[in-house]
Each structure stands twice: as structure tokens, then as C-alpha cells.
C-alpha atoms as a PDB file:
ATOM      1  CA  MET A   1       0.274   0.054   0.019  1.00  0.00           C
ATOM      2  CA  ILE A   2       1.093   3.561  -0.820  1.00  0.00           C
ATOM      3  CA  PRO A   3       1.774   5.487   2.423  1.00  0.00           C
ATOM      4  CA  THR A   4      -1.423   7.783   2.316  1.00  0.00           C
ATOM      5  CA  GLU A   5      -3.768   4.882   1.895  1.00  0.00           C
ATOM      6  CA  ILE A   6      -2.975   3.612   5.463  1.00  0.00           C
ATOM      7  CA  GLY A   7      -4.082   6.848   6.784  1.00  0.00           C
ATOM      8  CA  VAL A   8      -7.272   7.384   4.948  1.00  0.00           C
ATOM      9  CA  PRO A   9      -9.561   4.710   3.838  1.00  0.00           C
ATOM     10  CA  PHE A  10     -10.588   4.428  -0.081  1.00  0.00           C
ATOM     11  CA  ALA A  11     -13.457   2.793  -1.189  1.00  0.00           C
ATOM     12  CA  ARG A  12     -11.684   0.058  -2.086  1.00  0.00           C
ATOM     13  CA  MET A  13     -10.367  -1.128   1.179  1.00  0.00           C
ATOM     14  CA  LEU A  14     -14.235  -0.678   2.609  1.00  0.00           C
ATOM     15  CA  THR A  15     -15.693  -2.935   0.168  1.00  0.00           C
ATOM     16  CA  ASP A  16     -13.422  -5.828   0.420  1.00  0.00           C
ATOM     17  CA  ASN A  17     -15.609  -7.240   3.150  1.00  0.00           C
ATOM     18  CA  ASP A  18     -18.436  -6.619   1.644  1.00  0.00           C
ATOM     19  CA  ASN A  19     -17.319  -8.576  -1.290  1.00  0.00           C
ATOM     20  CA  GLU A  20     -17.663 -11.988   0.086  1.00  0.00           C
ATOM     21  CA  LYS A  21     -21.433 -11.314   0.952  1.00  0.00           C
ATOM     22  CA  GLU A  22     -22.214  -9.977  -2.525  1.00  0.00           C
ATOM     23  CA  LEU A  23     -20.407 -13.572  -4.078  1.00  0.00           C
ATOM     24  CA  GLN A  24     -22.487 -15.381  -1.826  1.00  0.00           C
ATOM     25  CA  MET A  25     -25.356 -14.299  -2.702  1.00  0.00           C
ATOM     26  CA  ASN A  26     -24.780 -14.093  -6.605  1.00  0.00           C
ATOM     27  CA  LEU A  27     -24.432 -17.924  -5.613  1.00  0.00           C
ATOM     28  CA  ASP A  28     -27.879 -17.730  -4.230  1.00  0.00           C
ATOM     29  CA  LEU A  29     -29.226 -16.359  -7.167  1.00  0.00           C
ATOM     30  CA  LEU A  30     -28.034 -17.761  -9.827  1.00  0.00           C
ATOM     31  CA  GLU A  31     -30.705 -20.443 -10.135  1.00  0.00           C
ATOM     32  CA  GLU A  32     -33.115 -17.670 -10.094  1.00  0.00           C
ATOM     33  CA  ARG A  33     -31.413 -16.018 -12.909  1.00  0.00           C
ATOM     34  CA  ARG A  34     -31.056 -19.595 -14.760  1.00  0.00           C
ATOM     35  CA  GLU A  35     -34.919 -20.185 -14.316  1.00  0.00           C
ATOM     36  CA  LEU A  36     -35.667 -16.523 -15.760  1.00  0.00           C
ATOM     37  CA  VAL A  37     -33.276 -17.178 -18.901  1.00  0.00           C
ATOM     38  CA  LEU A  38     -35.434 -20.658 -19.308  1.00  0.00           C
ATOM     39  CA  ILE A  39     -38.495 -19.056 -19.484  1.00  0.00           C
ATOM     40  CA  HIS A  40     -37.302 -16.419 -21.523  1.00  0.00           C
ATOM     41  CA  GLU A  41     -35.791 -18.572 -23.919  1.00  0.00           C
ATOM     42  CA  HIS A  42     -39.270 -20.366 -24.241  1.00  0.00           C
ATOM     43  CA  ASN A  43     -41.091 -17.420 -24.879  1.00  0.00           C
ATOM     44  CA  TYR A  44     -38.557 -16.540 -27.209  1.00  0.00           C
ATOM     45  CA  LYS A  45     -38.962 -20.055 -29.432  1.00  0.00           C
ATOM     46  CA  CYS A  46     -42.498 -20.098 -29.032  1.00  0.00           C
ATOM     47  CA  GLN A  47     -42.495 -16.091 -30.834  1.00  0.00           C
ATOM     48  CA  LEU A  48     -40.448 -17.784 -33.736  1.00  0.00           C
ATOM     49  CA  GLN A  49     -42.604 -20.451 -34.079  1.00  0.00           C
ATOM     50  CA  LYS A  50     -45.730 -18.262 -34.338  1.00  0.00           C
ATOM     51  CA  TYR A  51     -44.060 -16.317 -36.807  1.00  0.00           C
ATOM     52  CA  TYR A  52     -42.420 -18.797 -39.301  1.00  0.00           C
ATOM     53  CA  ASP A  53     -46.256 -20.655 -38.920  1.00  0.00           C
ATOM     54  CA  SER A  54     -47.733 -17.560 -39.787  1.00  0.00           C
ATOM     55  CA  ARG A  55     -45.894 -17.612 -43.435  1.00  0.00           C
ATOM     56  CA  VAL A  56     -45.569 -21.515 -43.990  1.00  0.00           C
ATOM     57  CA  LYS A  57     -48.228 -22.944 -46.265  1.00  0.00           C
ATOM     58  CA  LYS A  58     -49.102 -26.199 -44.439  1.00  0.00           C
ATOM     59  CA  CYS A  59     -49.445 -29.195 -46.898  1.00  0.00           C
ATOM     60  CA  ASN A  60     -50.419 -32.520 -45.557  1.00  0.00           C
ATOM     61  CA  PHE A  61     -50.487 -35.549 -47.489  1.00  0.00           C
ATOM     62  CA  ASN A  62     -51.882 -38.967 -46.659  1.00  0.00           C
ATOM     63  CA  VAL A  63     -50.860 -42.852 -47.028  1.00  0.00           C
ATOM     64  CA  GLU A  64     -50.841 -43.664 -50.943  1.00  0.00           C
ATOM     65  CA  ASP A  65     -50.582 -40.089 -52.134  1.00  0.00           C
ATOM     66  CA  PHE A  66     -47.876 -39.151 -55.222  1.00  0.00           C
ATOM     67  CA  VAL A  67     -44.818 -36.676 -54.227  1.00  0.00           C
ATOM     68  CA  PHE A  68     -42.008 -35.430 -55.381  1.00  0.00           C
ATOM     69  CA  ARG A  69     -38.853 -35.357 -53.221  1.00  0.00           C
ATOM     70  CA  ASN A  70     -36.326 -32.364 -53.211  1.00  0.00           C
ATOM     71  CA  ASN A  71     -33.130 -33.412 -54.737  1.00  0.00           C
ATOM     72  CA  GLU A  72     -30.888 -31.228 -52.472  1.00  0.00           C
ATOM     73  CA  SER A  73     -32.212 -33.132 -49.193  1.00  0.00           C
ATOM     74  CA  SER A  74     -32.026 -36.573 -50.658  1.00  0.00           C
ATOM     75  CA  GLY A  75     -28.050 -35.906 -52.475  1.00  0.00           C
ATOM     76  CA  GLN A  76     -28.730 -38.431 -54.889  1.00  0.00           C
ATOM     77  CA  GLU A  77     -27.964 -36.272 -57.895  1.00  0.00           C
ATOM     78  CA  PRO A  78     -24.893 -33.995 -57.746  1.00  0.00           C
ATOM     79  CA  PRO A  79     -26.117 -30.339 -57.349  1.00  0.00           C
ATOM     80  CA  GLY A  80     -24.994 -27.992 -59.947  1.00  0.00           C
ATOM     81  CA  LYS A  81     -26.994 -25.820 -62.432  1.00  0.00           C
ATOM     82  CA  LEU A  82     -28.339 -28.357 -64.872  1.00  0.00           C
ATOM     83  CA  ALA A  83     -29.140 -30.902 -61.937  1.00  0.00           C
ATOM     84  CA  PRO A  84     -33.105 -31.597 -61.893  1.00  0.00           C
ATOM     85  CA  THR A  85     -34.877 -30.168 -58.686  1.00  0.00           C
ATOM     86  CA  TRP A  86     -36.953 -32.674 -57.618  1.00  0.00           C
ATOM     87  CA  GLU A  87     -36.954 -36.723 -57.950  1.00  0.00           C
ATOM     88  CA  GLY A  88     -39.664 -39.056 -57.997  1.00  0.00           C
ATOM     89  CA  PRO A  89     -42.319 -40.025 -57.788  1.00  0.00           C
ATOM     90  CA  TYR A  90     -42.705 -41.483 -54.843  1.00  0.00           C
ATOM     91  CA  LYS A  91     -45.513 -42.990 -52.738  1.00  0.00           C
ATOM     92  CA  VAL A  92     -46.409 -41.844 -49.234  1.00  0.00           C
ATOM     93  CA  LYS A  93     -45.819 -45.133 -46.885  1.00  0.00           C
ATOM     94  CA  GLU A  94     -46.357 -43.732 -42.992  1.00  0.00           C
ATOM     95  CA  VAL A  95     -47.204 -40.251 -41.807  1.00  0.00           C
ATOM     96  CA  LEU A  96     -45.137 -39.468 -39.156  1.00  0.00           C
ATOM     97  CA  SER A  97     -45.208 -36.208 -37.469  1.00  0.00           C
ATOM     98  CA  ARG A  98     -44.975 -32.484 -37.659  1.00  0.00           C
ATOM     99  CA  GLY A  99     -44.801 -33.268 -41.485  1.00  0.00           C
ATOM    100  CA  ALA A 100     -42.294 -36.064 -41.987  1.00  0.00           C
ATOM    101  CA  TYR A 101     -43.211 -38.947 -44.039  1.00  0.00           C
ATOM    102  CA  LYS A 102     -41.894 -42.194 -44.644  1.00  0.00           C
ATOM    103  CA  LEU A 103     -41.680 -42.833 -48.593  1.00  0.00           C
ATOM    104  CA  GLU A 104     -41.436 -45.619 -51.036  1.00  0.00           C
ATOM    105  CA  LYS A 105     -40.790 -46.496 -54.638  1.00  0.00           C
ATOM    106  CA  LEU A 106     -43.867 -47.228 -56.653  1.00  0.00           C
ATOM    107  CA  ASP A 107     -42.409 -51.077 -56.717  1.00  0.00           C
ATOM    108  CA  GLY A 108     -42.444 -50.694 -53.069  1.00  0.00           C
ATOM    109  CA  THR A 109     -39.148 -50.838 -51.830  1.00  0.00           C
ATOM    110  CA  GLU A 110     -38.460 -47.921 -48.954  1.00  0.00           C
ATOM    111  CA  ILE A 111     -36.681 -45.078 -49.209  1.00  0.00           C
ATOM    112  CA  PRO A 112     -33.658 -44.484 -47.030  1.00  0.00           C
ATOM    113  CA  ARG A 113     -33.591 -41.129 -44.810  1.00  0.00           C
ATOM    114  CA  THR A 114     -37.000 -39.454 -45.856  1.00  0.00           C
END
């Protein structure tokens, strides 16, 4: 310490004792902060989903419907300027949740990763 700090206490010297109390209080409030962050994150995700769903045209398919599959998602054809955009037709074999479907070829063989 500088000799002038010995005679006159500064704010830095006065708050050293309160630092331990502040750290303990921060640890006590940590769980509450985490819960608030989780609530905020959930609300944000709900808002994003609502915004996305308002702009997406929902299209539901039934079993035995004929569909085309996007070539980018399957990777069957190498991507390029003249590559086809869609492949198929395929038949819907099973309806899964949230717009996911199991597809099969017209001869009945199942398509992987659909």
C-alpha cells in the first residue's frame, strides 16, 4: 500500500469485506437467474414458431399419395446448375409427426432417410 492509503481509507478498502457477501448472494440467486433465462428462451422460441407458422403454407399428405422429393435433401444427383430440382414420384408409406413422411418407390421398396 501507498502510505497515504494507510491513514485515509478508500472505497476499495471498505468494500473488500462486502465482496464475500456479494459473491454468496450471487450464488444464491444463480438458480433464479437460470429459471428466468429458461422462461425467456421458451417465450422467444414460441414467438419464432408462431412467426414461422404464420408464413408457411401447410401441406398435409395422406398414405398412398404420390409426391416428389427435393433433390438437395436427398443428395442423389450431384448439385449443379443443370441438375434436376425434384426426384420421384414416390408414394407416402407412413405419416410421421410434424410433416415427416416415410416414402417408398412405386415398386414398394422403402426410401432411406425420408
